[in-house]
């Protein structure tokens, strides 16, 4: 599984934590199923996420703009109740 980090020029603490936290938590299990993306810490749930891969949402929040829950999103948990409400 690959870790998704929002593409931007400015570094963000949430994005940087993803590179440490998920490998620490999941170990070698993270490095299987490269057809999937892990969407973790950050505010990245929006239509900019790739549409051609399975997405595992673990702790992310609703991004800015339109939020569309796509079929390939496997939502394990989100950041808070506003995000949970936004995705239904």
PDB file of N, CA and C in Angstrom:
ATOM      1  N   UNK A   1       0.862  -1.164   0.000  1.00  0.00           N
ATOM      2  CA  UNK A   1       0.000   0.000   0.000  1.00  0.00           C
ATOM      3  C   UNK A   1       0.909   1.227   0.000  1.00  0.00           C
ATOM      4  N   UNK A   2       0.610   2.166  -0.855  1.00  0.00           N
ATOM      5  CA  UNK A   2       1.377   3.404  -0.907  1.00  0.00           C
ATOM      6  C   UNK A   2       0.693   4.451  -0.048  1.00  0.00           C
ATOM      7  N   UNK A   3       1.478   5.332   0.532  1.00  0.00           N
ATOM      8  CA  UNK A   3       0.950   6.411   1.365  1.00  0.00           C
ATOM      9  C   UNK A   3       0.682   7.611   0.471  1.00  0.00           C
ATOM     10  N   UNK A   4      -0.539   8.139   0.543  1.00  0.00           N
ATOM     11  CA  UNK A   4      -0.888   9.325  -0.223  1.00  0.00           C
ATOM     12  C   UNK A   4      -0.604  10.562   0.612  1.00  0.00           C
ATOM     13  N   UNK A   5       0.106  11.493   0.023  1.00  0.00           N
ATOM     14  CA  UNK A   5       0.372  12.783   0.647  1.00  0.00           C
ATOM     15  C   UNK A   5      -0.047  13.850  -0.342  1.00  0.00           C
ATOM     16  N   UNK A   6      -0.800  14.815   0.137  1.00  0.00           N
ATOM     17  CA  UNK A   6      -1.300  15.893  -0.729  1.00  0.00           C
ATOM     18  C   UNK A   6      -0.135  16.574  -1.438  1.00  0.00           C
ATOM     19  N   UNK A   7      -0.203  16.669  -2.768  1.00  0.00           N
ATOM     20  CA  UNK A   7       0.894  17.312  -3.500  1.00  0.00           C
ATOM     21  C   UNK A   7       0.834  18.832  -3.373  1.00  0.00           C
ATOM     22  N   UNK A   8       1.788  19.396  -2.662  1.00  0.00           N
ATOM     23  CA  UNK A   8       1.886  20.852  -2.579  1.00  0.00           C
ATOM     24  C   UNK A   8       3.343  21.219  -2.326  1.00  0.00           C
ATOM     25  N   UNK A   9       3.679  22.452  -2.617  1.00  0.00           N
ATOM     26  CA  UNK A   9       5.063  22.907  -2.480  1.00  0.00           C
ATOM     27  C   UNK A   9       5.445  23.178  -1.028  1.00  0.00           C
ATOM     28  N   UNK A  10       4.464  23.478  -0.197  1.00  0.00           N
ATOM     29  CA  UNK A  10       4.707  23.832   1.200  1.00  0.00           C
ATOM     30  C   UNK A  10       4.575  22.586   2.071  1.00  0.00           C
ATOM     31  N   UNK A  11       5.565  22.304   2.907  1.00  0.00           N
ATOM     32  CA  UNK A  11       5.495  21.138   3.787  1.00  0.00           C
ATOM     33  C   UNK A  11       4.418  21.332   4.846  1.00  0.00           C
ATOM     34  N   UNK A  12       3.820  20.202   5.249  1.00  0.00           N
ATOM     35  CA  UNK A  12       2.723  20.196   6.208  1.00  0.00           C
ATOM     36  C   UNK A  12       3.041  19.129   7.245  1.00  0.00           C
ATOM     37  N   UNK A  13       2.860  19.435   8.509  1.00  0.00           N
ATOM     38  CA  UNK A  13       3.220  18.486   9.573  1.00  0.00           C
ATOM     39  C   UNK A  13       2.421  17.190   9.470  1.00  0.00           C
ATOM     40  N   UNK A  14       1.142  17.282   9.129  1.00  0.00           N
ATOM     41  CA  UNK A  14       0.334  16.073   8.989  1.00  0.00           C
ATOM     42  C   UNK A  14       0.858  15.165   7.898  1.00  0.00           C
ATOM     43  N   UNK A  15       1.179  15.752   6.757  1.00  0.00           N
ATOM     44  CA  UNK A  15       1.721  14.965   5.655  1.00  0.00           C
ATOM     45  C   UNK A  15       3.053  14.324   6.038  1.00  0.00           C
ATOM     46  N   UNK A  16       3.907  15.077   6.688  1.00  0.00           N
ATOM     47  CA  UNK A  16       5.214  14.548   7.090  1.00  0.00           C
ATOM     48  C   UNK A  16       5.068  13.420   8.115  1.00  0.00           C
ATOM     49  N   UNK A  17       4.090  13.529   9.021  1.00  0.00           N
ATOM     50  CA  UNK A  17       3.853  12.462  10.009  1.00  0.00           C
ATOM     51  C   UNK A  17       3.450  11.150   9.346  1.00  0.00           C
ATOM     52  N   UNK A  18       2.749  11.218   8.228  1.00  0.00           N
ATOM     53  CA  UNK A  18       2.341  10.002   7.522  1.00  0.00           C
ATOM     54  C   UNK A  18       3.532   9.127   7.172  1.00  0.00           C
ATOM     55  N   UNK A  19       4.646   9.750   6.775  1.00  0.00           N
ATOM     56  CA  UNK A  19       5.832   8.995   6.377  1.00  0.00           C
ATOM     57  C   UNK A  19       6.469   8.249   7.549  1.00  0.00           C
ATOM     58  N   UNK A  20       6.247   8.734   8.762  1.00  0.00           N
ATOM     59  CA  UNK A  20       6.788   8.062   9.941  1.00  0.00           C
ATOM     60  C   UNK A  20       5.742   7.142  10.587  1.00  0.00           C
ATOM     61  N   UNK A  21       4.541   7.655  10.806  1.00  0.00           N
ATOM     62  CA  UNK A  21       3.526   6.963  11.599  1.00  0.00           C
ATOM     63  C   UNK A  21       3.087   5.630  11.007  1.00  0.00           C
ATOM     64  N   UNK A  22       2.705   5.627   9.735  1.00  0.00           N
ATOM     65  CA  UNK A  22       2.147   4.409   9.154  1.00  0.00           C
ATOM     66  C   UNK A  22       3.156   3.278   9.025  1.00  0.00           C
ATOM     67  N   UNK A  23       4.395   3.515   8.593  1.00  0.00           N
ATOM     68  CA  UNK A  23       5.372   2.420   8.595  1.00  0.00           C
ATOM     69  C   UNK A  23       5.660   1.913  10.011  1.00  0.00           C
ATOM     70  N   UNK A  24       5.667   2.828  10.979  1.00  0.00           N
ATOM     71  CA  UNK A  24       5.903   2.428  12.369  1.00  0.00           C
ATOM     72  C   UNK A  24       4.769   1.550  12.874  1.00  0.00           C
ATOM     73  N   UNK A  25       3.542   1.897  12.523  1.00  0.00           N
ATOM     74  CA  UNK A  25       2.361   1.169  12.983  1.00  0.00           C
ATOM     75  C   UNK A  25       2.153  -0.147  12.230  1.00  0.00           C
ATOM     76  N   UNK A  26       2.334  -0.119  10.915  1.00  0.00           N
ATOM     77  CA  UNK A  26       1.975  -1.263  10.097  1.00  0.00           C
ATOM     78  C   UNK A  26       3.152  -2.136   9.677  1.00  0.00           C
ATOM     79  N   UNK A  27       4.365  -1.651   9.811  1.00  0.00           N
ATOM     80  CA  UNK A  27       5.542  -2.430   9.463  1.00  0.00           C
ATOM     81  C   UNK A  27       5.530  -2.890   8.014  1.00  0.00           C
ATOM     82  N   UNK A  28       5.957  -4.125   7.803  1.00  0.00           N
ATOM     83  CA  UNK A  28       6.072  -4.670   6.449  1.00  0.00           C
ATOM     84  C   UNK A  28       4.719  -4.827   5.755  1.00  0.00           C
ATOM     85  N   UNK A  29       3.634  -4.896   6.515  1.00  0.00           N
ATOM     86  CA  UNK A  29       2.304  -5.042   5.908  1.00  0.00           C
ATOM     87  C   UNK A  29       1.969  -3.853   5.018  1.00  0.00           C
ATOM     88  N   UNK A  30       2.581  -2.706   5.304  1.00  0.00           N
ATOM     89  CA  UNK A  30       2.334  -1.510   4.505  1.00  0.00           C
ATOM     90  C   UNK A  30       2.850  -1.678   3.080  1.00  0.00           C
ATOM     91  N   UNK A  31       3.870  -2.486   2.914  1.00  0.00           N
ATOM     92  CA  UNK A  31       4.535  -2.593   1.617  1.00  0.00           C
ATOM     93  C   UNK A  31       3.973  -3.688   0.723  1.00  0.00           C
ATOM     94  N   UNK A  32       2.722  -4.048   0.933  1.00  0.00           N
ATOM     95  CA  UNK A  32       2.037  -4.985   0.053  1.00  0.00           C
ATOM     96  C   UNK A  32       0.888  -4.242  -0.620  1.00  0.00           C
ATOM     97  N   UNK A  33       0.328  -4.788  -1.634  1.00  0.00           N
ATOM     98  CA  UNK A  33      -0.843  -4.225  -2.323  1.00  0.00           C
ATOM     99  C   UNK A  33      -0.592  -2.809  -2.839  1.00  0.00           C
ATOM    100  N   UNK A  34       0.370  -2.665  -3.716  1.00  0.00           N
ATOM    101  CA  UNK A  34       0.703  -1.334  -4.245  1.00  0.00           C
ATOM    102  C   UNK A  34      -0.375  -0.752  -5.146  1.00  0.00           C
ATOM    103  N   UNK A  35      -1.421  -1.515  -5.397  1.00  0.00           N
ATOM    104  CA  UNK A  35      -2.540  -0.954  -6.160  1.00  0.00           C
ATOM    105  C   UNK A  35      -3.436  -0.109  -5.257  1.00  0.00           C
ATOM    106  N   UNK A  36      -3.151  -0.107  -3.953  1.00  0.00           N
ATOM    107  CA  UNK A  36      -3.962   0.632  -2.986  1.00  0.00           C
ATOM    108  C   UNK A  36      -3.204   1.831  -2.433  1.00  0.00           C
ATOM    109  N   UNK A  37      -3.973   2.836  -2.021  1.00  0.00           N
ATOM    110  CA  UNK A  37      -3.411   4.015  -1.372  1.00  0.00           C
ATOM    111  C   UNK A  37      -3.939   4.112   0.044  1.00  0.00           C
ATOM    112  N   UNK A  38      -3.077   4.447   0.983  1.00  0.00           N
ATOM    113  CA  UNK A  38      -3.472   4.741   2.347  1.00  0.00           C
ATOM    114  C   UNK A  38      -3.575   6.254   2.447  1.00  0.00           C
ATOM    115  N   UNK A  39      -4.756   6.748   2.778  1.00  0.00           N
ATOM    116  CA  UNK A  39      -4.978   8.182   2.956  1.00  0.00           C
ATOM    117  C   UNK A  39      -5.142   8.396   4.450  1.00  0.00           C
ATOM    118  N   UNK A  40      -4.106   8.948   5.071  1.00  0.00           N
ATOM    119  CA  UNK A  40      -4.075   9.056   6.525  1.00  0.00           C
ATOM    120  C   UNK A  40      -4.240  10.472   7.023  1.00  0.00           C
ATOM    121  N   UNK A  41      -3.254  10.915   7.784  1.00  0.00           N
ATOM    122  CA  UNK A  41      -3.296  12.215   8.441  1.00  0.00           C
ATOM    123  C   UNK A  41      -3.314  13.317   7.391  1.00  0.00           C
ATOM    124  N   UNK A  42      -4.245  14.231   7.548  1.00  0.00           N
ATOM    125  CA  UNK A  42      -4.326  15.361   6.636  1.00  0.00           C
ATOM    126  C   UNK A  42      -5.763  15.688   6.275  1.00  0.00           C
ATOM    127  N   UNK A  43      -5.893  16.747   5.504  1.00  0.00           N
ATOM    128  CA  UNK A  43      -7.199  17.191   5.041  1.00  0.00           C
ATOM    129  C   UNK A  43      -7.217  17.006   3.537  1.00  0.00           C
ATOM    130  N   UNK A  44      -7.372  15.764   3.108  1.00  0.00           N
ATOM    131  CA  UNK A  44      -7.186  15.471   1.687  1.00  0.00           C
ATOM    132  C   UNK A  44      -8.358  14.745   1.036  1.00  0.00           C
ATOM    133  N   UNK A  45      -9.448  14.543   1.753  1.00  0.00           N
ATOM    134  CA  UNK A  45     -10.582  13.849   1.148  1.00  0.00           C
ATOM    135  C   UNK A  45     -11.327  14.809   0.240  1.00  0.00           C
ATOM    136  N   UNK A  46     -11.005  14.730  -1.027  1.00  0.00           N
ATOM    137  CA  UNK A  46     -11.666  15.574  -2.019  1.00  0.00           C
ATOM    138  C   UNK A  46     -11.536  14.913  -3.384  1.00  0.00           C
ATOM    139  N   UNK A  47     -11.976  15.576  -4.395  1.00  0.00           N
ATOM    140  CA  UNK A  47     -11.963  15.006  -5.737  1.00  0.00           C
ATOM    141  C   UNK A  47     -10.580  14.969  -6.377  1.00  0.00           C
ATOM    142  N   UNK A  48      -9.542  15.415  -5.676  1.00  0.00           N
ATOM    143  CA  UNK A  48      -8.187  15.346  -6.204  1.00  0.00           C
ATOM    144  C   UNK A  48      -7.542  13.983  -5.986  1.00  0.00           C
ATOM    145  N   UNK A  49      -8.150  13.132  -5.168  1.00  0.00           N
ATOM    146  CA  UNK A  49      -7.591  11.797  -4.952  1.00  0.00           C
ATOM    147  C   UNK A  49      -7.661  10.993  -6.244  1.00  0.00           C
ATOM    148  N   UNK A  50      -6.657  10.164  -6.500  1.00  0.00           N
ATOM    149  CA  UNK A  50      -6.678   9.351  -7.724  1.00  0.00           C
ATOM    150  C   UNK A  50      -7.940   8.492  -7.787  1.00  0.00           C
ATOM    151  N   UNK A  51      -8.496   8.379  -8.960  1.00  0.00           N
ATOM    152  CA  UNK A  51      -9.730   7.613  -9.127  1.00  0.00           C
ATOM    153  C   UNK A  51      -9.475   6.197  -9.643  1.00  0.00           C
ATOM    154  N   UNK A  52      -8.222   5.892  -9.940  1.00  0.00           N
ATOM    155  CA  UNK A  52      -7.905   4.595 -10.529  1.00  0.00           C
ATOM    156  C   UNK A  52      -7.295   3.610  -9.534  1.00  0.00           C
ATOM    157  N   UNK A  53      -7.360   3.919  -8.240  1.00  0.00           N
ATOM    158  CA  UNK A  53      -6.775   3.038  -7.231  1.00  0.00           C
ATOM    159  C   UNK A  53      -7.744   2.859  -6.076  1.00  0.00           C
ATOM    160  N   UNK A  54      -7.607   1.720  -5.380  1.00  0.00           N
ATOM    161  CA  UNK A  54      -8.372   1.512  -4.151  1.00  0.00           C
ATOM    162  C   UNK A  54      -7.787   2.421  -3.084  1.00  0.00           C
ATOM    163  N   UNK A  55      -8.658   3.098  -2.354  1.00  0.00           N
ATOM    164  CA  UNK A  55      -8.219   4.057  -1.356  1.00  0.00           C
ATOM    165  C   UNK A  55      -8.692   3.597   0.017  1.00  0.00           C
ATOM    166  N   UNK A  56      -7.767   3.538   0.967  1.00  0.00           N
ATOM    167  CA  UNK A  56      -8.079   3.188   2.350  1.00  0.00           C
ATOM    168  C   UNK A  56      -7.934   4.448   3.195  1.00  0.00           C
ATOM    169  N   UNK A  57      -9.062   4.960   3.663  1.00  0.00           N
ATOM    170  CA  UNK A  57      -9.086   6.179   4.461  1.00  0.00           C
ATOM    171  C   UNK A  57      -8.930   5.792   5.927  1.00  0.00           C
ATOM    172  N   UNK A  58      -7.857   6.315   6.544  1.00  0.00           N
ATOM    173  CA  UNK A  58      -7.589   6.037   7.951  1.00  0.00           C
ATOM    174  C   UNK A  58      -7.169   7.320   8.652  1.00  0.00           C
ATOM    175  N   UNK A  59      -8.167   8.119   9.012  1.00  0.00           N
ATOM    176  CA  UNK A  59      -7.917   9.295   9.829  1.00  0.00           C
ATOM    177  C   UNK A  59      -7.914  10.622   9.114  1.00  0.00           C
ATOM    178  N   UNK A  60      -8.131  10.631   7.829  1.00  0.00           N
ATOM    179  CA  UNK A  60      -8.098  11.890   7.103  1.00  0.00           C
ATOM    180  C   UNK A  60      -9.401  12.664   7.297  1.00  0.00           C
ATOM    181  N   UNK A  61      -9.348  13.934   6.928  1.00  0.00           N
ATOM    182  CA  UNK A  61     -10.519  14.783   7.038  1.00  0.00           C
ATOM    183  C   UNK A  61     -10.968  15.282   5.684  1.00  0.00           C
ATOM    184  N   UNK A  62     -12.162  15.826   5.656  1.00  0.00           N
ATOM    185  CA  UNK A  62     -12.717  16.375   4.422  1.00  0.00           C
ATOM    186  C   UNK A  62     -11.867  17.547   3.970  1.00  0.00           C
ATOM    187  N   UNK A  63     -11.585  17.562   2.695  1.00  0.00           N
ATOM    188  CA  UNK A  63     -10.779  18.633   2.126  1.00  0.00           C
ATOM    189  C   UNK A  63     -11.619  19.853   1.825  1.00  0.00           C
ATOM    190  N   UNK A  64     -11.027  20.739   1.119  1.00  0.00           N
ATOM    191  CA  UNK A  64     -11.692  21.978   0.751  1.00  0.00           C
ATOM    192  C   UNK A  64     -12.340  21.776  -0.605  1.00  0.00           C
ATOM    193  N   UNK A  65     -13.568  22.159  -0.730  1.00  0.00           N
ATOM    194  CA  UNK A  65     -14.272  21.978  -1.983  1.00  0.00           C
ATOM    195  C   UNK A  65     -15.236  20.809  -1.895  1.00  0.00           C
ATOM    196  N   UNK A  66     -15.670  20.346  -3.043  1.00  0.00           N
ATOM    197  CA  UNK A  66     -16.668  19.280  -3.141  1.00  0.00           C
ATOM    198  C   UNK A  66     -16.108  17.944  -2.644  1.00  0.00           C
ATOM    199  N   UNK A  67     -16.897  17.257  -1.850  1.00  0.00           N
ATOM    200  CA  UNK A  67     -16.501  15.934  -1.355  1.00  0.00           C
ATOM    201  C   UNK A  67     -17.437  14.907  -1.951  1.00  0.00           C
ATOM    202  N   UNK A  68     -16.880  14.029  -2.739  1.00  0.00           N
ATOM    203  CA  UNK A  68     -17.645  12.964  -3.363  1.00  0.00           C
ATOM    204  C   UNK A  68     -17.080  11.638  -2.902  1.00  0.00           C
ATOM    205  N   UNK A  69     -17.899  10.837  -2.268  1.00  0.00           N
ATOM    206  CA  UNK A  69     -17.471   9.522  -1.791  1.00  0.00           C
ATOM    207  C   UNK A  69     -17.470   8.567  -2.975  1.00  0.00           C
ATOM    208  N   UNK A  70     -16.305   8.143  -3.377  1.00  0.00           N
ATOM    209  CA  UNK A  70     -16.181   7.238  -4.518  1.00  0.00           C
ATOM    210  C   UNK A  70     -16.270   5.786  -4.071  1.00  0.00           C
ATOM    211  N   UNK A  71     -16.704   4.952  -4.959  1.00  0.00           N
ATOM    212  CA  UNK A  71     -16.890   3.529  -4.675  1.00  0.00           C
ATOM    213  C   UNK A  71     -15.622   2.852  -4.165  1.00  0.00           C
ATOM    214  N   UNK A  72     -14.469   3.250  -4.671  1.00  0.00           N
ATOM    215  CA  UNK A  72     -13.237   2.576  -4.291  1.00  0.00           C
ATOM    216  C   UNK A  72     -12.651   3.091  -2.970  1.00  0.00           C
ATOM    217  N   UNK A  73     -13.380   3.974  -2.275  1.00  0.00           N
ATOM    218  CA  UNK A  73     -12.929   4.418  -0.965  1.00  0.00           C
ATOM    219  C   UNK A  73     -13.345   3.383   0.078  1.00  0.00           C
ATOM    220  N   UNK A  74     -12.390   2.840   0.790  1.00  0.00           N
ATOM    221  CA  UNK A  74     -12.635   1.943   1.920  1.00  0.00           C
ATOM    222  C   UNK A  74     -12.410   2.774   3.175  1.00  0.00           C
ATOM    223  N   UNK A  75     -13.480   3.213   3.800  1.00  0.00           N
ATOM    224  CA  UNK A  75     -13.352   4.122   4.939  1.00  0.00           C
ATOM    225  C   UNK A  75     -13.304   3.314   6.227  1.00  0.00           C
ATOM    226  N   UNK A  76     -12.133   3.349   6.863  1.00  0.00           N
ATOM    227  CA  UNK A  76     -11.937   2.656   8.130  1.00  0.00           C
ATOM    228  C   UNK A  76     -12.276   3.590   9.295  1.00  0.00           C
ATOM    229  N   UNK A  77     -11.769   4.819   9.225  1.00  0.00           N
ATOM    230  CA  UNK A  77     -12.143   5.868  10.174  1.00  0.00           C
ATOM    231  C   UNK A  77     -11.712   7.207   9.594  1.00  0.00           C
ATOM    232  N   UNK A  78     -12.383   8.269  10.037  1.00  0.00           N
ATOM    233  CA  UNK A  78     -12.080   9.616   9.566  1.00  0.00           C
ATOM    234  C   UNK A  78     -11.700  10.493  10.753  1.00  0.00           C
ATOM    235  N   UNK A  79     -11.315  11.718  10.472  1.00  0.00           N
ATOM    236  CA  UNK A  79     -10.789  12.604  11.503  1.00  0.00           C
ATOM    237  C   UNK A  79     -11.842  13.040  12.523  1.00  0.00           C
ATOM    238  N   UNK A  80     -13.043  13.313  12.098  1.00  0.00           N
ATOM    239  CA  UNK A  80     -14.025  13.804  13.051  1.00  0.00           C
ATOM    240  C   UNK A  80     -15.447  13.719  12.541  1.00  0.00           C
ATOM    241  N   UNK A  81     -16.378  14.197  13.360  1.00  0.00           N
ATOM    242  CA  UNK A  81     -17.790  14.039  13.036  1.00  0.00           C
ATOM    243  C   UNK A  81     -18.217  14.878  11.840  1.00  0.00           C
ATOM    244  N   UNK A  82     -17.578  16.003  11.571  1.00  0.00           N
ATOM    245  CA  UNK A  82     -17.941  16.807  10.395  1.00  0.00           C
ATOM    246  C   UNK A  82     -17.596  16.045   9.116  1.00  0.00           C
ATOM    247  N   UNK A  83     -16.455  15.378   9.106  1.00  0.00           N
ATOM    248  CA  UNK A  83     -16.081  14.572   7.944  1.00  0.00           C
ATOM    249  C   UNK A  83     -17.014  13.376   7.814  1.00  0.00           C
ATOM    250  N   UNK A  84     -17.320  12.735   8.928  1.00  0.00           N
ATOM    251  CA  UNK A  84     -18.232  11.591   8.903  1.00  0.00           C
ATOM    252  C   UNK A  84     -19.602  12.010   8.339  1.00  0.00           C
ATOM    253  N   UNK A  85     -20.082  13.168   8.729  1.00  0.00           N
ATOM    254  CA  UNK A  85     -21.358  13.681   8.216  1.00  0.00           C
ATOM    255  C   UNK A  85     -21.271  13.995   6.724  1.00  0.00           C
ATOM    256  N   UNK A  86     -20.135  14.557   6.311  1.00  0.00           N
ATOM    257  CA  UNK A  86     -19.973  14.936   4.914  1.00  0.00           C
ATOM    258  C   UNK A  86     -19.980  13.728   3.977  1.00  0.00           C
ATOM    259  N   UNK A  87     -19.480  12.589   4.452  1.00  0.00           N
ATOM    260  CA  UNK A  87     -19.442  11.413   3.584  1.00  0.00           C
ATOM    261  C   UNK A  87     -20.622  10.493   3.816  1.00  0.00           C
ATOM    262  N   UNK A  88     -21.439  10.807   4.800  1.00  0.00           N
ATOM    263  CA  UNK A  88     -22.643  10.004   5.055  1.00  0.00           C
ATOM    264  C   UNK A  88     -22.340   8.798   5.877  1.00  0.00           C
TER     265      UNK A  88
END
